Protein backbone atom coordinates (compact mmCIF):
# COMPACT_ATOMS: atom_id res chain seq x y z
CA MET A 1 -1.77 -7.02 -52.92
CA LYS A 2 -2.00 -3.22 -52.69
CA ARG A 3 -5.74 -3.47 -52.24
CA ALA A 4 -5.34 -6.05 -49.43
CA ILE A 5 -2.85 -3.81 -47.66
CA ALA A 6 -5.16 -0.82 -47.99
CA CYS A 7 -8.12 -2.78 -46.62
CA ALA A 8 -6.09 -4.02 -43.68
CA LEU A 9 -4.92 -0.49 -42.88
CA ALA A 10 -8.46 0.86 -43.11
CA ALA A 11 -9.76 -1.82 -40.76
CA ALA A 12 -6.95 -1.22 -38.29
CA LEU A 13 -7.41 2.54 -38.27
CA SER A 14 -11.18 2.44 -38.01
CA GLY A 15 -11.04 0.43 -34.78
CA CYS A 16 -14.13 -1.54 -35.77
CA ALA A 17 -12.71 -4.94 -34.83
CA MET A 18 -11.98 -4.63 -31.10
CA VAL A 19 -12.46 -8.11 -29.67
CA GLY A 20 -12.93 -8.75 -25.97
CA PRO A 21 -15.27 -7.15 -23.42
CA ASP A 22 -15.18 -3.46 -22.54
CA TYR A 23 -14.67 -2.73 -18.84
CA GLN A 24 -17.67 -1.75 -16.73
CA ARG A 25 -17.57 -1.24 -12.98
CA PRO A 26 -19.45 -4.11 -11.31
CA ALA A 27 -22.26 -3.33 -8.90
CA ILE A 28 -21.26 -3.90 -5.28
CA GLY A 29 -24.55 -3.26 -3.51
CA LEU A 30 -23.22 -1.32 -0.50
CA PRO A 31 -25.81 -0.16 2.05
CA GLY A 32 -27.10 3.36 1.69
CA ALA A 33 -25.74 4.46 5.08
CA TYR A 34 -23.68 3.27 8.02
CA SER A 35 -25.61 1.74 10.88
CA GLU A 36 -23.23 3.37 13.39
CA ALA A 37 -23.91 6.96 14.38
CA ALA A 38 -21.26 9.57 13.75
CA PRO A 39 -19.14 10.52 16.79
CA ALA A 40 -20.43 13.42 18.83
CA GLN A 41 -17.35 15.52 18.09
CA THR A 42 -17.72 15.16 14.31
CA ALA A 43 -16.96 18.40 12.49
CA ALA A 44 -18.36 19.47 9.14
CA LEU A 45 -15.06 19.10 7.30
CA ALA A 46 -13.52 16.77 4.76
CA VAL A 47 -10.63 14.48 5.62
CA PRO A 48 -7.50 16.60 5.04
CA ALA A 49 -4.71 15.13 2.96
CA ASP A 50 -2.30 15.70 5.86
CA TRP A 51 -4.78 14.46 8.45
CA TRP A 52 -2.05 13.68 11.00
CA LYS A 53 -1.57 17.44 11.49
CA THR A 54 -5.00 17.66 13.13
CA TYR A 55 -3.40 16.19 16.28
CA ASN A 56 -1.36 19.40 16.67
CA ASP A 57 1.85 17.56 17.51
CA PRO A 58 4.92 18.90 15.62
CA LEU A 59 6.92 15.79 16.48
CA LEU A 60 4.27 13.52 14.95
CA ASN A 61 4.28 15.69 11.82
CA ASP A 62 8.05 15.33 11.55
CA LEU A 63 7.92 11.56 12.01
CA VAL A 64 5.27 11.09 9.31
CA ALA A 65 7.22 13.30 6.90
CA ALA A 66 10.37 11.28 7.57
CA GLY A 67 8.52 8.03 6.97
CA LEU A 68 7.06 9.19 3.66
CA ALA A 69 10.52 10.31 2.51
CA SER A 70 12.72 7.46 3.75
CA ASN A 71 10.66 4.34 4.36
CA SER A 72 11.77 1.34 2.29
CA ASP A 73 8.19 0.29 1.52
CA MET A 74 7.58 3.73 -0.01
CA ARG A 75 10.69 3.45 -2.16
CA LEU A 76 9.57 0.01 -3.29
CA ALA A 77 6.11 1.33 -4.21
CA VAL A 78 7.64 4.23 -6.15
CA ALA A 79 9.89 1.83 -8.06
CA ARG A 80 6.84 -0.25 -9.00
CA VAL A 81 5.16 2.85 -10.40
CA GLU A 82 8.26 3.60 -12.47
CA GLU A 83 8.26 0.04 -13.80
CA ALA A 84 4.57 0.23 -14.74
CA GLU A 85 5.10 3.59 -16.42
CA ALA A 86 7.89 2.09 -18.53
CA ALA A 87 5.64 -0.86 -19.42
CA LEU A 88 2.94 1.58 -20.54
CA ARG A 89 5.40 3.41 -22.77
CA GLU A 90 6.43 0.09 -24.28
CA ALA A 91 2.80 -0.83 -24.99
CA ASN A 92 2.17 2.54 -26.66
CA ALA A 93 5.32 2.17 -28.75
CA LEU A 94 3.84 -0.94 -30.41
CA PHE A 95 1.55 1.32 -32.44
CA PHE A 96 4.59 2.57 -34.35
CA PRO A 97 6.80 0.54 -36.69
CA GLU A 98 10.17 -0.65 -35.49
CA ILE A 99 12.99 0.11 -37.95
CA ASP A 100 16.20 -1.89 -37.71
CA GLY A 101 19.38 -1.11 -39.59
CA SER A 102 22.21 -3.42 -40.61
CA ALA A 103 25.51 -3.09 -42.41
CA THR A 104 27.41 -6.09 -43.74
CA GLY A 105 30.64 -6.62 -45.57
CA GLY A 106 32.33 -9.86 -46.55
CA ARG A 107 34.77 -11.65 -48.79
CA SER A 108 34.45 -15.33 -49.83
CA ARG A 109 35.91 -17.88 -52.23
CA ILE A 110 34.02 -20.59 -54.11
CA SER A 111 35.30 -23.79 -55.62
CA THR A 112 36.00 -23.85 -59.40
CA ARG A 113 36.28 -27.66 -59.57
CA THR A 114 32.63 -28.50 -59.27
CA GLY A 115 31.75 -27.75 -62.88
CA ILE A 116 28.76 -25.84 -61.67
CA VAL A 117 30.26 -22.36 -61.62
CA PRO A 118 31.27 -21.04 -65.08
CA PRO A 119 34.95 -20.03 -65.39
CA SER A 120 33.90 -16.47 -66.18
CA ILE A 121 32.64 -15.97 -62.64
CA PRO A 122 35.43 -14.97 -60.22
CA ALA A 123 36.24 -17.51 -57.55
CA ILE A 124 36.75 -14.80 -54.95
CA ARG A 125 33.80 -12.52 -54.23
CA THR A 126 33.23 -9.43 -52.13
CA ASN A 127 29.88 -8.08 -51.00
CA TYR A 128 28.78 -4.97 -49.13
CA ALA A 129 25.23 -4.14 -48.05
CA LEU A 130 23.50 -1.41 -46.08
CA THR A 131 19.79 -2.08 -45.30
CA ALA A 132 16.94 -0.86 -43.13
CA THR A 133 14.10 -3.27 -42.36
CA THR A 134 10.78 -2.79 -40.62
CA THR A 135 7.86 -4.88 -39.44
CA PHE A 136 4.58 -3.29 -38.40
CA GLU A 137 1.64 -5.25 -37.03
CA LEU A 138 -1.75 -3.93 -38.11
CA ASP A 139 -4.01 -3.84 -35.08
CA PHE A 140 -6.83 -5.51 -36.98
CA TRP A 141 -8.50 -7.16 -33.97
CA GLY A 142 -7.51 -4.60 -31.34
CA ARG A 143 -4.84 -6.74 -29.69
CA LEU A 144 -2.42 -3.85 -29.36
CA ARG A 145 -5.12 -1.47 -28.17
CA ARG A 146 -6.25 -3.96 -25.54
CA ALA A 147 -2.65 -4.47 -24.44
CA ALA A 148 -2.17 -0.72 -24.08
CA GLU A 149 -5.47 -0.51 -22.20
CA ALA A 150 -4.29 -3.20 -19.80
CA ALA A 151 -0.91 -1.52 -19.31
CA ARG A 152 -2.59 1.82 -18.64
CA ALA A 153 -4.90 0.30 -16.03
CA GLN A 154 -1.97 -1.50 -14.42
CA TYR A 155 -0.05 1.77 -14.30
CA PHE A 156 -2.90 3.43 -12.43
CA ALA A 157 -3.10 0.40 -10.14
CA THR A 158 0.54 0.83 -9.14
CA GLN A 159 -0.02 4.53 -8.53
CA TYR A 160 -2.97 3.71 -6.30
CA GLY A 161 -0.86 1.03 -4.63
CA ARG A 162 1.81 3.61 -3.84
CA ASP A 163 -0.86 5.82 -2.26
CA VAL A 164 -2.12 2.87 -0.23
CA VAL A 165 1.40 2.40 1.12
CA ALA A 166 1.64 6.12 1.95
CA LEU A 167 -1.68 6.12 3.83
CA THR A 168 -0.88 2.90 5.66
CA LEU A 169 2.58 4.18 6.55
CA ALA A 170 1.25 7.47 7.94
CA ALA A 171 -1.33 5.57 10.00
CA GLY A 172 1.33 3.15 11.22
CA VAL A 173 3.63 5.97 12.31
CA ALA A 174 0.78 7.69 14.15
CA GLN A 175 -0.38 4.50 15.86
CA THR A 176 3.15 3.60 16.98
CA TYR A 177 3.81 7.15 18.15
CA PHE A 178 0.64 7.08 20.24
CA ALA A 179 1.77 3.75 21.68
CA VAL A 180 5.06 5.35 22.78
CA ARG A 181 3.23 8.27 24.37
CA SER A 182 0.79 5.88 26.04
CA LEU A 183 3.67 3.93 27.54
CA ASP A 184 5.19 7.21 28.73
CA ALA A 185 1.92 8.01 30.51
CA GLN A 186 1.69 4.51 31.96
CA ILE A 187 5.24 4.82 33.28
CA LEU A 188 4.36 8.14 34.93
CA VAL A 189 1.25 6.62 36.49
CA SER A 190 3.21 3.62 37.75
CA GLN A 191 5.94 5.85 39.16
CA GLU A 192 3.32 7.85 41.06
CA THR A 193 1.92 4.62 42.45
CA LEU A 194 5.46 3.47 43.28
CA ARG A 195 6.04 6.63 45.33
CA ALA A 196 2.80 5.96 47.19
CA ALA A 197 3.93 2.37 47.75
CA ASP A 198 7.24 3.63 49.17
CA GLU A 199 5.36 5.84 51.60
CA SER A 200 3.10 2.92 52.61
CA LEU A 201 6.13 0.70 53.11
CA ASP A 202 7.73 3.35 55.33
CA ILE A 203 4.55 3.64 57.37
CA ALA A 204 4.27 -0.15 57.74
CA ARG A 205 7.88 -0.41 58.93
CA LYS A 206 7.41 2.33 61.53
CA ARG A 207 4.21 0.76 62.83
CA PHE A 208 5.90 -2.65 62.93
CA GLN A 209 8.86 -1.21 64.84
CA ALA A 210 6.38 0.34 67.27
CA GLY A 211 4.73 -3.04 67.76
CA LEU A 212 1.42 -1.90 66.34
CA VAL A 213 1.21 -4.25 63.33
CA PRO A 214 2.64 -7.65 62.50
CA GLU A 215 5.63 -8.13 60.17
CA LEU A 216 3.18 -9.42 57.57
CA ASP A 217 2.22 -5.81 56.77
CA VAL A 218 5.83 -4.97 56.00
CA ASN A 219 6.20 -8.02 53.78
CA GLN A 220 3.01 -7.19 51.88
CA ALA A 221 4.06 -3.56 51.40
CA ALA A 222 7.53 -4.59 50.21
CA ALA A 223 6.09 -7.15 47.78
CA ASN A 224 3.69 -4.55 46.38
CA ARG A 225 6.54 -2.10 45.94
CA ALA A 226 8.65 -4.70 44.11
CA GLN A 227 5.74 -5.60 41.84
CA LEU A 228 5.32 -1.96 40.83
CA ALA A 229 9.04 -1.60 40.16
CA ALA A 230 8.92 -4.67 37.92
CA GLN A 231 5.85 -3.22 36.17
CA ILE A 232 7.76 -0.03 35.40
CA THR A 233 10.68 -2.04 34.03
CA ASP A 234 8.36 -3.98 31.73
CA LEU A 235 6.69 -0.77 30.53
CA LYS A 236 10.12 0.65 29.69
CA ARG A 237 10.88 -2.53 27.74
CA GLN A 238 7.67 -2.12 25.77
CA ARG A 239 8.52 1.52 25.10
CA ALA A 240 11.94 0.56 23.74
CA THR A 241 10.30 -1.95 21.41
CA ALA A 242 7.80 0.66 20.19
CA MET A 243 10.67 3.11 19.65
CA HIS A 244 12.45 0.54 17.49
CA GLN A 245 9.29 0.25 15.38
CA VAL A 246 9.11 4.02 14.98
CA GLY A 247 12.73 3.95 13.82
CA VAL A 248 11.97 1.33 11.18
CA LEU A 249 8.90 3.18 9.91
CA THR A 250 10.69 6.51 9.66
CA GLY A 251 14.07 5.24 8.48
CA ARG A 252 15.72 6.66 11.61
CA LEU A 253 16.96 3.54 13.31
CA ASP A 254 18.94 5.41 15.96
CA MET A 255 16.31 7.99 16.84
CA LYS A 256 15.42 8.83 20.42
CA LEU A 257 12.22 10.41 21.74
CA ASP A 258 12.10 12.30 25.00
CA ALA A 259 9.41 11.25 27.42
CA GLY A 260 5.98 12.75 26.84
CA ASP A 261 2.43 12.21 28.01
CA LEU A 262 -0.44 10.91 25.90
CA ARG A 263 -2.91 12.74 28.14
CA ALA A 264 -1.51 16.07 26.92
CA LEU A 265 -2.47 15.42 23.28
CA PRO A 266 -5.64 17.19 22.13
CA THR A 267 -8.65 15.45 20.67
CA PRO A 268 -8.71 15.96 16.89
CA PRO A 269 -11.83 17.10 15.02
CA LEU A 270 -13.30 14.16 13.15
CA PRO A 271 -14.87 14.31 9.68
CA PRO A 272 -18.32 12.91 8.86
CA ALA A 273 -18.32 9.44 7.36
CA GLY A 274 -20.36 10.43 4.31
CA LEU A 275 -22.12 7.90 2.10
CA PRO A 276 -20.73 4.37 1.74
CA SER A 277 -20.76 4.70 -2.05
CA THR A 278 -18.11 7.44 -1.85
CA LEU A 279 -15.61 4.86 -0.63
CA LEU A 280 -15.42 3.57 -4.20
CA GLU A 281 -13.94 6.91 -5.23
CA ARG A 282 -11.90 8.12 -2.26
CA ARG A 283 -10.09 4.98 -1.13
CA PRO A 284 -6.95 4.18 -3.12
CA ASP A 285 -7.06 0.47 -2.27
CA VAL A 286 -10.55 0.22 -3.81
CA ARG A 287 -9.41 2.11 -6.90
CA GLN A 288 -6.34 -0.10 -7.10
CA ALA A 289 -8.50 -3.23 -7.06
CA GLU A 290 -10.75 -1.71 -9.72
CA SER A 291 -7.79 -0.84 -11.96
CA GLN A 292 -6.50 -4.38 -11.63
CA LEU A 293 -9.94 -5.61 -12.70
CA ALA A 294 -9.90 -3.25 -15.69
CA SER A 295 -6.46 -4.53 -16.67
CA ALA A 296 -7.56 -8.15 -16.39
CA THR A 297 -10.64 -7.39 -18.49
CA ALA A 298 -8.53 -5.85 -21.25
CA LEU A 299 -6.22 -8.88 -21.26
CA ILE A 300 -9.21 -11.03 -22.27
CA GLY A 301 -9.22 -9.13 -25.56
CA VAL A 302 -5.49 -9.71 -25.96
CA ALA A 303 -5.93 -13.44 -25.49
CA ARG A 304 -8.98 -13.61 -27.76
CA ALA A 305 -7.23 -11.68 -30.55
CA ALA A 306 -4.53 -14.37 -30.62
CA GLN A 307 -7.16 -16.78 -31.99
CA PHE A 308 -7.41 -14.71 -35.19
CA PRO A 309 -4.92 -14.09 -38.00
CA THR A 310 -2.24 -11.45 -37.56
CA PHE A 311 -1.66 -8.90 -40.33
CA SER A 312 1.82 -7.40 -40.57
CA LEU A 313 3.48 -5.08 -43.04
CA THR A 314 7.14 -5.81 -43.79
CA GLY A 315 9.61 -3.79 -45.77
CA SER A 316 13.28 -3.21 -46.39
CA LEU A 317 15.33 -0.55 -48.10
CA GLY A 318 19.05 -0.43 -48.73
CA ARG A 319 22.10 -0.54 -50.93
CA GLN A 320 24.27 -3.46 -52.09
CA SER A 321 27.48 -3.66 -54.13
CA LYS A 322 30.54 -5.83 -54.62
CA ASP A 323 32.76 -2.80 -54.08
CA LEU A 324 32.54 -0.43 -51.13
CA GLU A 325 33.28 2.63 -53.27
CA THR A 326 30.36 1.89 -55.59
CA LEU A 327 27.85 1.12 -52.82
CA PHE A 328 25.91 4.35 -53.43
CA ASN A 329 26.21 4.36 -57.21
CA ALA A 330 23.23 4.04 -59.49
CA GLY A 331 21.77 0.57 -59.67
CA GLY A 332 22.90 -0.43 -56.19
CA GLY A 333 19.57 0.15 -54.51
CA LEU A 334 17.25 -2.58 -53.24
CA TRP A 335 13.85 -2.57 -51.56
CA ASN A 336 11.11 -4.94 -50.56
CA ILE A 337 7.55 -4.51 -49.24
CA GLY A 338 5.02 -7.12 -48.33
CA LEU A 339 2.03 -8.14 -46.25
CA ASN A 340 2.26 -11.16 -43.96
CA ILE A 341 -0.84 -12.92 -42.73
CA ALA A 342 -0.31 -15.59 -40.10
CA GLY A 343 -2.77 -17.36 -37.86
CA PRO A 344 -3.44 -20.66 -36.15
CA ILE A 345 -4.94 -23.41 -38.26
CA PHE A 346 -4.95 -26.17 -35.67
CA ASP A 347 -3.91 -25.51 -32.06
CA ALA A 348 -5.85 -28.25 -30.20
CA GLY A 349 -7.75 -25.56 -28.24
CA ARG A 350 -4.57 -23.89 -26.92
CA TYR A 351 -5.60 -20.29 -27.64
CA ALA A 352 -9.17 -20.85 -26.49
CA ALA A 353 -7.80 -22.20 -23.22
CA ARG A 354 -5.65 -19.09 -22.83
CA THR A 355 -8.72 -16.93 -23.35
CA GLN A 356 -10.56 -18.90 -20.68
CA GLN A 357 -7.61 -18.40 -18.34
CA ALA A 358 -7.80 -14.64 -18.93
CA GLU A 359 -11.53 -14.70 -18.23
CA ALA A 360 -10.94 -16.63 -15.03
CA ARG A 361 -8.31 -14.11 -13.91
CA ALA A 362 -10.79 -11.31 -14.61
CA ASN A 363 -13.37 -13.11 -12.46
CA GLN A 364 -10.80 -13.38 -9.69
CA ALA A 365 -10.06 -9.66 -9.97
CA ALA A 366 -13.80 -8.90 -9.83
CA ALA A 367 -14.14 -10.95 -6.64
CA SER A 368 -11.10 -9.19 -5.17
CA TYR A 369 -12.58 -5.79 -6.03
CA GLU A 370 -15.88 -6.68 -4.41
CA LYS A 371 -14.10 -7.95 -1.29
CA THR A 372 -11.98 -4.80 -1.07
CA ALA A 373 -15.03 -2.54 -1.33
CA ARG A 374 -16.94 -4.46 1.32
CA THR A 375 -13.89 -4.54 3.58
CA ALA A 376 -13.66 -0.75 3.23
CA PHE A 377 -17.29 -0.43 4.34
CA ARG A 378 -16.62 -2.66 7.35
CA GLU A 379 -13.49 -0.73 8.33
CA VAL A 380 -15.41 2.56 8.38
CA SER A 381 -18.20 0.96 10.42
CA ASP A 382 -15.68 -0.50 12.87
CA ALA A 383 -13.86 2.82 13.23
CA LEU A 384 -17.10 4.73 13.83
CA SER A 385 -18.25 2.38 16.57
CA ASN A 386 -14.80 2.14 18.16
CA VAL A 387 -14.39 5.92 18.32
CA GLN A 388 -17.85 6.34 19.81
CA TYR A 389 -17.50 3.62 22.45
CA ALA A 390 -14.00 4.68 23.44
CA SER A 391 -15.24 8.24 23.88
CA ASP A 392 -18.20 7.07 25.97
CA ALA A 393 -15.95 4.87 28.14
CA GLU A 394 -13.57 7.70 29.07
CA LYS A 395 -16.07 9.41 31.40
CA ASP A 396 -16.72 6.17 33.31
CA LEU A 397 -13.01 5.36 33.51
CA GLN A 398 -12.26 8.82 34.87
CA GLU A 399 -14.97 8.32 37.49
CA ARG A 400 -13.36 5.01 38.39
CA VAL A 401 -9.99 6.76 38.89
CA ASP A 402 -11.52 9.45 41.10
CA GLN A 403 -13.32 6.93 43.29
CA ALA A 404 -10.25 4.70 43.50
CA ARG A 405 -8.11 7.67 44.60
CA ASN A 406 -10.63 8.51 47.34
CA SER A 407 -10.69 4.86 48.42
CA LEU A 408 -6.90 4.83 48.75
CA LYS A 409 -6.96 8.00 50.79
CA LEU A 410 -9.58 6.58 53.16
CA ALA A 411 -7.88 3.19 53.40
CA THR A 412 -4.55 4.84 54.27
CA MET A 413 -6.19 6.95 56.98
CA ARG A 414 -7.97 3.92 58.42
CA TYR A 415 -4.73 1.92 58.44
CA GLU A 416 -2.73 4.70 60.12
CA SER A 417 -5.47 5.00 62.75
CA GLY A 418 -5.43 1.26 63.36
CA TYR A 419 -8.99 0.62 62.16
CA SER A 420 -8.11 -1.71 59.28
CA ALA A 421 -5.47 -4.13 58.07
CA TYR A 422 -2.85 -3.20 55.53
CA LEU A 423 -4.60 -5.44 53.02
CA GLU A 424 -7.16 -2.66 52.45
CA VAL A 425 -4.40 -0.19 51.56
CA LEU A 426 -2.76 -2.74 49.29
CA ASP A 427 -6.02 -3.45 47.48
CA ALA A 428 -6.78 0.28 47.13
CA GLN A 429 -3.33 0.96 45.63
CA ARG A 430 -3.72 -1.81 43.09
CA THR A 431 -7.24 -0.67 42.21
CA LEU A 432 -6.08 2.92 41.64
CA ASN A 433 -3.11 1.79 39.56
CA ASP A 434 -5.28 -0.44 37.41
CA ALA A 435 -7.86 2.33 36.95
CA GLN A 436 -5.24 4.88 35.91
CA LEU A 437 -3.64 2.46 33.45
CA ALA A 438 -7.05 1.61 32.00
CA LEU A 439 -7.80 5.31 31.50
CA VAL A 440 -4.50 5.87 29.70
CA ARG A 441 -4.96 2.80 27.50
CA ASN A 442 -8.49 3.88 26.63
CA ARG A 443 -7.15 7.27 25.55
CA GLN A 444 -4.56 5.51 23.40
CA GLY A 445 -7.31 3.34 21.96
CA TYR A 446 -9.44 6.39 21.23
CA LEU A 447 -6.64 8.20 19.40
CA GLY A 448 -5.81 5.01 17.53
CA TYR A 449 -9.44 4.61 16.49
CA THR A 450 -9.49 8.17 15.16
CA VAL A 451 -6.47 7.23 13.04
CA ASP A 452 -8.38 4.18 11.84
CA LEU A 453 -11.32 6.39 10.91
CA MET A 454 -9.14 8.83 8.98
CA ASN A 455 -7.47 5.94 7.17
CA ALA A 456 -10.74 4.08 6.51
CA LEU A 457 -12.25 7.19 4.93
CA GLY A 458 -9.34 7.44 2.51
CA GLY A 459 -7.15 9.87 4.44
CA GLY A 460 -7.98 12.85 2.24
CA TRP A 461 -6.86 10.99 -0.87
CA THR A 462 -8.26 12.06 -4.23
CA ALA A 463 -8.14 10.14 -7.49
CA TYR A 464 -6.03 11.30 -10.43
């Protein structure tokens, strides 16, 4: 027996019987470079960890900080990390024996009429015992080591998941903040157009009262003015909705933002995209998917080890006596030590099926990892092209605004001189308003795409 125990301990300590596959990162086959060219304003710098500060807006910095500190999704992610950390400590504790203690005391009476118990034995008995017992599984097949390996990988996965939430939250706050500032700019543009519409309505009324134009001009000018007023009301409604979203993201449900202007925000310096292969290291969602794959791979070994016998050392040590005062006297000691070997003899393929389930889950995790990596590549490609095209479009949209403003000026002069109908002024006002709104929305899109690029490149995140 002693030799069997020694052999089992030697095998467990040597680690020579680790069943199950060892994790290896699967090949993804990402392209060697992005097909999209880097934006013209790309700077030779890495993505900073606090990338939102590159927009030089103190209010945005404050909102992101508030979101990272108070958002409920962040608190949920942190709690998941704490749970995984506790699970890892539990898995590591399995390498040490568990010692349980017990203390018992009792008094009982037996029958003396059965003829079985000799008269010399007292009918009333007392018994006191104090024992410590332990059971320790020898990790002969590596089941415990694989379980700890899986728990460790899952712990890292939750840490990466928390960082994914932080990056997504910061991007969401920035995007929503830019939406609020875009709506502020659109409201300003619409109010400027509304003032021009008021002036046109006043001119049309005076010309109608002078008998120079029909009442139709007044009706058209009034309808245009009402349409612009309704447009401003709808933009204010959209701003209120965006403000509510900012409040949810930052945990400040009652917050208010003074009006600003998106056009006043500077263009941030953008980092180079780098090589696609670096996404596997600098994106927390990719690392999270990889850690989940590593955990699933280790669990195959846990399931496979269940198909083999389990070796456990058992032991107990204590004191026992019929009298409490003599419990620690000589001769009251007791102990026991043994080796238990237990394993399935016939399970109708149950444990093999569980191993196949673990393998299937690992295959699913591998497919998820591959999808996540390829999605990361696509997101960077999308962000690069979106930033470039939005930047290229701004010059043309500004030209459209300038020409539309000149057209309105000429149309107004022609109408006041009686050379054209009011319809030309009305069309010019609408064209200018649409052009100005398109320019503002393109600027919002550009800033949003820069956020997408920062986020797609990992947002300055570094692995642990």
